[in-house]
Amino acid sequence: MNIGFLLLRLAAGLTMAAHGSQKLFGWFGGYGLNGTAGFMEQLGFVPGRRQAAAAGLTELGGGLLLALGFLTPLAGAMVGAVMLVAAVSVHVKNGFFMTAGGFEYNLVLGTAALSLAFTGPGAISLDAALGLHLAGLAWGIAAVVVALVGGGAQLAQRHRPSAAGNRGNLADAQHRDMPHSGAARA
């Protein structure tokens, strides 16, 4: 069972961390902070550079915490929040399946991360090595609440972009079909 938790944490956590590094550093085919900032502004998240940095840091930090199994409920809440923002701000309008730009990716990563707040990261984790018992119903519910409040607060700050503001924009063209994590799109 502990190997299963480790595999889940590594897959979800390192995937999130990689997406954060796309936004922050332009690694793995990402657009870096400036490219992501332009897209964030088009989505109504201003100022775009600060919002891109926050999204990238949340993905990178939450992903690394999750992969390490350290402060797992916090990691789950961070990943859950950024996936909520991505799903609502970009993907829900496209339906469920990722093939149409839908929210299935966001749902799976966010749910996997939040699930670990309920189950715990397993014995092969920093939480276990440090004797931190941060798992169970209360920790899981707390992580879900923090994810909902954090993601909701981010979405509440969003300024709806006008249709005229999106026409002919280079950043929009660059990001429209970009394989992405939620936060780059959120």
C-alpha atoms as a PDB file:
ATOM      1  CA  MET A   1       0.000   0.000   0.000  1.00  0.00           C
ATOM      2  CA  ASN A   2       2.814   2.443   0.805  1.00  0.00           C
ATOM      3  CA  ILE A   3       4.322   1.934  -2.644  1.00  0.00           C
ATOM      4  CA  GLY A   4       0.931   2.878  -4.111  1.00  0.00           C
ATOM      5  CA  PHE A   5       0.836   6.118  -2.129  1.00  0.00           C
ATOM      6  CA  LEU A   6       4.396   6.885  -3.200  1.00  0.00           C
ATOM      7  CA  LEU A   7       3.589   6.295  -6.880  1.00  0.00           C
ATOM      8  CA  LEU A   8       0.459   8.454  -6.672  1.00  0.00           C
ATOM      9  CA  ARG A   9       2.337  11.257  -4.914  1.00  0.00           C
ATOM     10  CA  LEU A  10       5.222  11.169  -7.370  1.00  0.00           C
ATOM     11  CA  ALA A  11       2.983  11.107 -10.449  1.00  0.00           C
ATOM     12  CA  ALA A  12       0.634  13.883  -9.329  1.00  0.00           C
ATOM     13  CA  GLY A  13       3.229  15.947  -7.489  1.00  0.00           C
ATOM     14  CA  LEU A  14       5.958  15.908 -10.118  1.00  0.00           C
ATOM     15  CA  THR A  15       3.415  16.592 -12.848  1.00  0.00           C
ATOM     16  CA  MET A  16       2.260  19.693 -10.971  1.00  0.00           C
ATOM     17  CA  ALA A  17       5.829  20.787 -10.249  1.00  0.00           C
ATOM     18  CA  ALA A  18       6.731  20.430 -13.933  1.00  0.00           C
ATOM     19  CA  HIS A  19       3.782  22.598 -14.934  1.00  0.00           C
ATOM     20  CA  GLY A  20       4.788  25.207 -12.388  1.00  0.00           C
ATOM     21  CA  SER A  21       8.295  25.253 -13.842  1.00  0.00           C
ATOM     22  CA  GLN A  22       6.807  25.791 -17.310  1.00  0.00           C
ATOM     23  CA  LYS A  23       5.177  28.958 -16.047  1.00  0.00           C
ATOM     24  CA  LEU A  24       8.046  30.240 -13.954  1.00  0.00           C
ATOM     25  CA  PHE A  25      11.099  29.262 -16.001  1.00  0.00           C
ATOM     26  CA  GLY A  26       9.862  28.254 -19.443  1.00  0.00           C
ATOM     27  CA  TRP A  27      11.105  24.703 -18.902  1.00  0.00           C
ATOM     28  CA  PHE A  28       9.566  21.665 -20.634  1.00  0.00           C
ATOM     29  CA  GLY A  29       8.223  23.734 -23.509  1.00  0.00           C
ATOM     30  CA  GLY A  30       6.529  26.298 -21.274  1.00  0.00           C
ATOM     31  CA  TYR A  31       6.138  29.993 -21.998  1.00  0.00           C
ATOM     32  CA  GLY A  32       7.887  31.282 -18.899  1.00  0.00           C
ATOM     33  CA  LEU A  33       6.695  34.055 -16.673  1.00  0.00           C
ATOM     34  CA  ASN A  34       6.198  36.691 -19.375  1.00  0.00           C
ATOM     35  CA  GLY A  35       4.273  34.451 -21.760  1.00  0.00           C
ATOM     36  CA  THR A  36       2.123  33.066 -18.979  1.00  0.00           C
ATOM     37  CA  ALA A  37       1.538  36.597 -17.662  1.00  0.00           C
ATOM     38  CA  GLY A  38       0.007  37.675 -20.963  1.00  0.00           C
ATOM     39  CA  PHE A  39      -2.333  34.718 -20.934  1.00  0.00           C
ATOM     40  CA  MET A  40      -3.305  35.321 -17.309  1.00  0.00           C
ATOM     41  CA  GLU A  41      -4.255  38.902 -18.137  1.00  0.00           C
ATOM     42  CA  GLN A  42      -6.413  37.710 -21.015  1.00  0.00           C
ATOM     43  CA  LEU A  43      -8.233  35.486 -18.555  1.00  0.00           C
ATOM     44  CA  GLY A  44      -8.820  38.510 -16.327  1.00  0.00           C
ATOM     45  CA  PHE A  45      -6.145  37.812 -13.710  1.00  0.00           C
ATOM     46  CA  VAL A  46      -4.306  41.112 -13.319  1.00  0.00           C
ATOM     47  CA  PRO A  47      -1.597  42.054 -12.927  1.00  0.00           C
ATOM     48  CA  GLY A  48      -0.642  39.120 -15.117  1.00  0.00           C
ATOM     49  CA  ARG A  49       2.986  38.770 -14.050  1.00  0.00           C
ATOM     50  CA  ARG A  50       2.111  38.574 -10.360  1.00  0.00           C
ATOM     51  CA  GLN A  51      -0.747  36.166 -11.045  1.00  0.00           C
ATOM     52  CA  ALA A  52       1.475  33.979 -13.246  1.00  0.00           C
ATOM     53  CA  ALA A  53       4.151  33.912 -10.551  1.00  0.00           C
ATOM     54  CA  ALA A  54       1.588  32.993  -7.896  1.00  0.00           C
ATOM     55  CA  ALA A  55       0.130  30.218 -10.053  1.00  0.00           C
ATOM     56  CA  GLY A  56       3.565  28.884 -10.964  1.00  0.00           C
ATOM     57  CA  LEU A  57       4.810  28.965  -7.380  1.00  0.00           C
ATOM     58  CA  THR A  58       1.653  27.276  -6.132  1.00  0.00           C
ATOM     59  CA  GLU A  59       2.016  24.500  -8.698  1.00  0.00           C
ATOM     60  CA  LEU A  60       5.753  24.075  -8.174  1.00  0.00           C
ATOM     61  CA  GLY A  61       5.602  24.278  -4.380  1.00  0.00           C
ATOM     62  CA  GLY A  62       2.430  22.229  -3.972  1.00  0.00           C
ATOM     63  CA  GLY A  63       3.702  19.634  -6.416  1.00  0.00           C
ATOM     64  CA  LEU A  64       7.052  19.244  -4.673  1.00  0.00           C
ATOM     65  CA  LEU A  65       5.415  19.048  -1.229  1.00  0.00           C
ATOM     66  CA  LEU A  66       3.053  16.392  -2.558  1.00  0.00           C
ATOM     67  CA  ALA A  67       5.837  14.368  -4.193  1.00  0.00           C
ATOM     68  CA  LEU A  68       7.869  14.458  -0.974  1.00  0.00           C
ATOM     69  CA  GLY A  69       4.854  13.656   1.195  1.00  0.00           C
ATOM     70  CA  PHE A  70       5.591  16.704   3.330  1.00  0.00           C
ATOM     71  CA  LEU A  71       2.753  18.706   4.886  1.00  0.00           C
ATOM     72  CA  THR A  72       0.487  16.624   2.694  1.00  0.00           C
ATOM     73  CA  PRO A  73      -2.831  18.361   3.515  1.00  0.00           C
ATOM     74  CA  LEU A  74      -1.278  21.730   2.609  1.00  0.00           C
ATOM     75  CA  ALA A  75       0.099  20.243  -0.622  1.00  0.00           C
ATOM     76  CA  GLY A  76      -3.318  18.803  -1.450  1.00  0.00           C
ATOM     77  CA  ALA A  77      -5.013  22.132  -0.775  1.00  0.00           C
ATOM     78  CA  MET A  78      -2.517  24.006  -2.963  1.00  0.00           C
ATOM     79  CA  VAL A  79      -2.921  21.624  -5.893  1.00  0.00           C
ATOM     80  CA  GLY A  80      -6.693  21.464  -5.399  1.00  0.00           C
ATOM     81  CA  ALA A  81      -7.006  25.255  -5.397  1.00  0.00           C
ATOM     82  CA  VAL A  82      -4.969  25.805  -8.534  1.00  0.00           C
ATOM     83  CA  MET A  83      -6.835  23.035 -10.359  1.00  0.00           C
ATOM     84  CA  LEU A  84     -10.178  24.569  -9.338  1.00  0.00           C
ATOM     85  CA  VAL A  85      -9.137  27.940 -10.754  1.00  0.00           C
ATOM     86  CA  ALA A  86      -7.955  26.327 -13.975  1.00  0.00           C
ATOM     87  CA  ALA A  87     -11.099  24.267 -14.392  1.00  0.00           C
ATOM     88  CA  VAL A  88     -13.484  27.166 -13.792  1.00  0.00           C
ATOM     89  CA  SER A  89     -11.607  29.891 -15.652  1.00  0.00           C
ATOM     90  CA  VAL A  90     -10.687  27.895 -18.759  1.00  0.00           C
ATOM     91  CA  HIS A  91     -11.922  24.339 -19.050  1.00  0.00           C
ATOM     92  CA  VAL A  92     -15.501  23.899 -17.778  1.00  0.00           C
ATOM     93  CA  LYS A  93     -16.943  25.640 -20.827  1.00  0.00           C
ATOM     94  CA  ASN A  94     -15.324  22.953 -22.995  1.00  0.00           C
ATOM     95  CA  GLY A  95     -16.977  20.018 -21.269  1.00  0.00           C
ATOM     96  CA  PHE A  96     -15.356  17.091 -19.513  1.00  0.00           C
ATOM     97  CA  PHE A  97     -12.847  15.535 -21.910  1.00  0.00           C
ATOM     98  CA  MET A  98      -9.375  16.975 -22.393  1.00  0.00           C
ATOM     99  CA  THR A  99      -9.532  16.234 -26.115  1.00  0.00           C
ATOM    100  CA  ALA A 100     -11.931  19.185 -26.367  1.00  0.00           C
ATOM    101  CA  GLY A 101     -10.055  21.287 -23.793  1.00  0.00           C
ATOM    102  CA  GLY A 102     -12.255  20.043 -20.961  1.00  0.00           C
ATOM    103  CA  PHE A 103     -11.601  19.786 -17.241  1.00  0.00           C
ATOM    104  CA  GLU A 104     -10.819  16.071 -16.797  1.00  0.00           C
ATOM    105  CA  TYR A 105      -7.088  16.709 -16.220  1.00  0.00           C
ATOM    106  CA  ASN A 106      -7.812  19.325 -13.561  1.00  0.00           C
ATOM    107  CA  LEU A 107     -10.331  17.060 -11.857  1.00  0.00           C
ATOM    108  CA  VAL A 108      -7.986  14.060 -11.712  1.00  0.00           C
ATOM    109  CA  LEU A 109      -4.938  15.954 -10.406  1.00  0.00           C
ATOM    110  CA  GLY A 110      -6.935  17.996  -7.910  1.00  0.00           C
ATOM    111  CA  THR A 111      -8.822  14.972  -6.615  1.00  0.00           C
ATOM    112  CA  ALA A 112      -5.660  12.860  -6.351  1.00  0.00           C
ATOM    113  CA  ALA A 113      -3.922  15.570  -4.324  1.00  0.00           C
ATOM    114  CA  LEU A 114      -6.887  16.171  -2.032  1.00  0.00           C
ATOM    115  CA  SER A 115      -7.430  12.433  -1.548  1.00  0.00           C
ATOM    116  CA  LEU A 116      -3.954  12.162  -0.048  1.00  0.00           C
ATOM    117  CA  ALA A 117      -4.981  14.650   2.644  1.00  0.00           C
ATOM    118  CA  PHE A 118      -7.576  12.090   3.769  1.00  0.00           C
ATOM    119  CA  THR A 119      -5.440   8.948   3.421  1.00  0.00           C
ATOM    120  CA  GLY A 120      -2.055  10.398   4.276  1.00  0.00           C
ATOM    121  CA  PRO A 121       1.085  10.134   2.173  1.00  0.00           C
ATOM    122  CA  GLY A 122       2.066   6.631   3.332  1.00  0.00           C
ATOM    123  CA  ALA A 123       5.088   5.401   5.241  1.00  0.00           C
ATOM    124  CA  ILE A 124       7.561   6.397   2.513  1.00  0.00           C
ATOM    125  CA  SER A 125       7.184  10.137   3.050  1.00  0.00           C
ATOM    126  CA  LEU A 126       8.695  13.042   4.925  1.00  0.00           C
ATOM    127  CA  ASP A 127       5.538  13.349   7.022  1.00  0.00           C
ATOM    128  CA  ALA A 128       6.035   9.771   8.249  1.00  0.00           C
ATOM    129  CA  ALA A 129       9.789  10.199   8.747  1.00  0.00           C
ATOM    130  CA  LEU A 130       9.177  13.309  10.855  1.00  0.00           C
ATOM    131  CA  GLY A 131       6.368  11.700  12.840  1.00  0.00           C
ATOM    132  CA  LEU A 132       3.737  14.068  11.456  1.00  0.00           C
ATOM    133  CA  HIS A 133       0.275  12.496  11.520  1.00  0.00           C
ATOM    134  CA  LEU A 134      -1.529  14.893   9.215  1.00  0.00           C
ATOM    135  CA  ALA A 135      -4.193  12.685   7.702  1.00  0.00           C
ATOM    136  CA  GLY A 136      -7.743  11.574   8.284  1.00  0.00           C
ATOM    137  CA  LEU A 137     -11.229  12.979   7.964  1.00  0.00           C
ATOM    138  CA  ALA A 138     -10.560  16.315   9.666  1.00  0.00           C
ATOM    139  CA  TRP A 139      -7.339  16.946   7.718  1.00  0.00           C
ATOM    140  CA  GLY A 140      -9.015  15.968   4.461  1.00  0.00           C
ATOM    141  CA  ILE A 141     -12.018  18.204   5.043  1.00  0.00           C
ATOM    142  CA  ALA A 142      -9.703  21.063   6.040  1.00  0.00           C
ATOM    143  CA  ALA A 143      -7.695  20.625   2.822  1.00  0.00           C
ATOM    144  CA  VAL A 144     -10.858  20.632   0.706  1.00  0.00           C
ATOM    145  CA  VAL A 145     -12.147  23.760   2.473  1.00  0.00           C
ATOM    146  CA  VAL A 146      -8.806  25.560   2.041  1.00  0.00           C
ATOM    147  CA  ALA A 147      -8.738  24.577  -1.650  1.00  0.00           C
ATOM    148  CA  LEU A 148     -12.288  25.837  -2.188  1.00  0.00           C
ATOM    149  CA  VAL A 149     -11.725  29.078  -0.281  1.00  0.00           C
ATOM    150  CA  GLY A 150      -8.329  29.718  -1.889  1.00  0.00           C
ATOM    151  CA  GLY A 151      -9.494  28.918  -5.393  1.00  0.00           C
ATOM    152  CA  GLY A 152     -12.740  30.803  -4.859  1.00  0.00           C
ATOM    153  CA  ALA A 153     -10.896  33.888  -3.616  1.00  0.00           C
ATOM    154  CA  GLN A 154      -8.677  33.821  -6.692  1.00  0.00           C
ATOM    155  CA  LEU A 155     -11.674  33.483  -8.987  1.00  0.00           C
ATOM    156  CA  ALA A 156     -13.493  36.310  -7.171  1.00  0.00           C
ATOM    157  CA  GLN A 157     -10.618  38.686  -8.007  1.00  0.00           C
ATOM    158  CA  ARG A 158     -10.848  37.874 -11.682  1.00  0.00           C
ATOM    159  CA  HIS A 159     -11.884  40.612 -14.073  1.00  0.00           C
ATOM    160  CA  ARG A 160     -13.867  39.162 -16.932  1.00  0.00           C
ATOM    161  CA  PRO A 161     -11.962  39.785 -20.178  1.00  0.00           C
ATOM    162  CA  SER A 162     -13.869  41.458 -22.969  1.00  0.00           C
ATOM    163  CA  ALA A 163     -14.242  39.707 -26.297  1.00  0.00           C
ATOM    164  CA  ALA A 164     -12.673  42.719 -28.034  1.00  0.00           C
ATOM    165  CA  GLY A 165      -9.600  42.443 -25.825  1.00  0.00           C
ATOM    166  CA  ASN A 166      -8.899  38.906 -27.023  1.00  0.00           C
ATOM    167  CA  ARG A 167      -9.018  39.517 -30.780  1.00  0.00           C
ATOM    168  CA  GLY A 168      -5.709  39.175 -32.559  1.00  0.00           C
ATOM    169  CA  ASN A 169      -3.682  38.856 -29.380  1.00  0.00           C
ATOM    170  CA  LEU A 170      -0.397  36.987 -29.857  1.00  0.00           C
ATOM    171  CA  ALA A 171      -0.365  35.617 -26.320  1.00  0.00           C
ATOM    172  CA  ASP A 172      -3.837  34.169 -26.869  1.00  0.00           C
ATOM    173  CA  ALA A 173      -2.688  32.463 -30.042  1.00  0.00           C
ATOM    174  CA  GLN A 174       0.359  31.055 -28.267  1.00  0.00           C
ATOM    175  CA  HIS A 175      -1.610  29.647 -25.356  1.00  0.00           C
ATOM    176  CA  ARG A 176      -4.842  28.559 -27.009  1.00  0.00           C
ATOM    177  CA  ASP A 177      -3.687  25.048 -27.829  1.00  0.00           C
ATOM    178  CA  MET A 178      -0.879  24.812 -25.300  1.00  0.00           C
ATOM    179  CA  PRO A 179      -0.723  21.543 -23.366  1.00  0.00           C
ATOM    180  CA  HIS A 180      -0.973  22.972 -19.925  1.00  0.00           C
ATOM    181  CA  SER A 181      -1.503  22.656 -16.310  1.00  0.00           C
ATOM    182  CA  GLY A 182      -4.408  24.329 -14.781  1.00  0.00           C
ATOM    183  CA  ALA A 183      -2.684  27.364 -13.404  1.00  0.00           C
ATOM    184  CA  ALA A 184      -1.141  28.432 -16.672  1.00  0.00           C
ATOM    185  CA  ARG A 185      -4.647  28.516 -17.989  1.00  0.00           C
ATOM    186  CA  ALA A 186      -6.130  29.903 -14.812  1.00  0.00           C
END
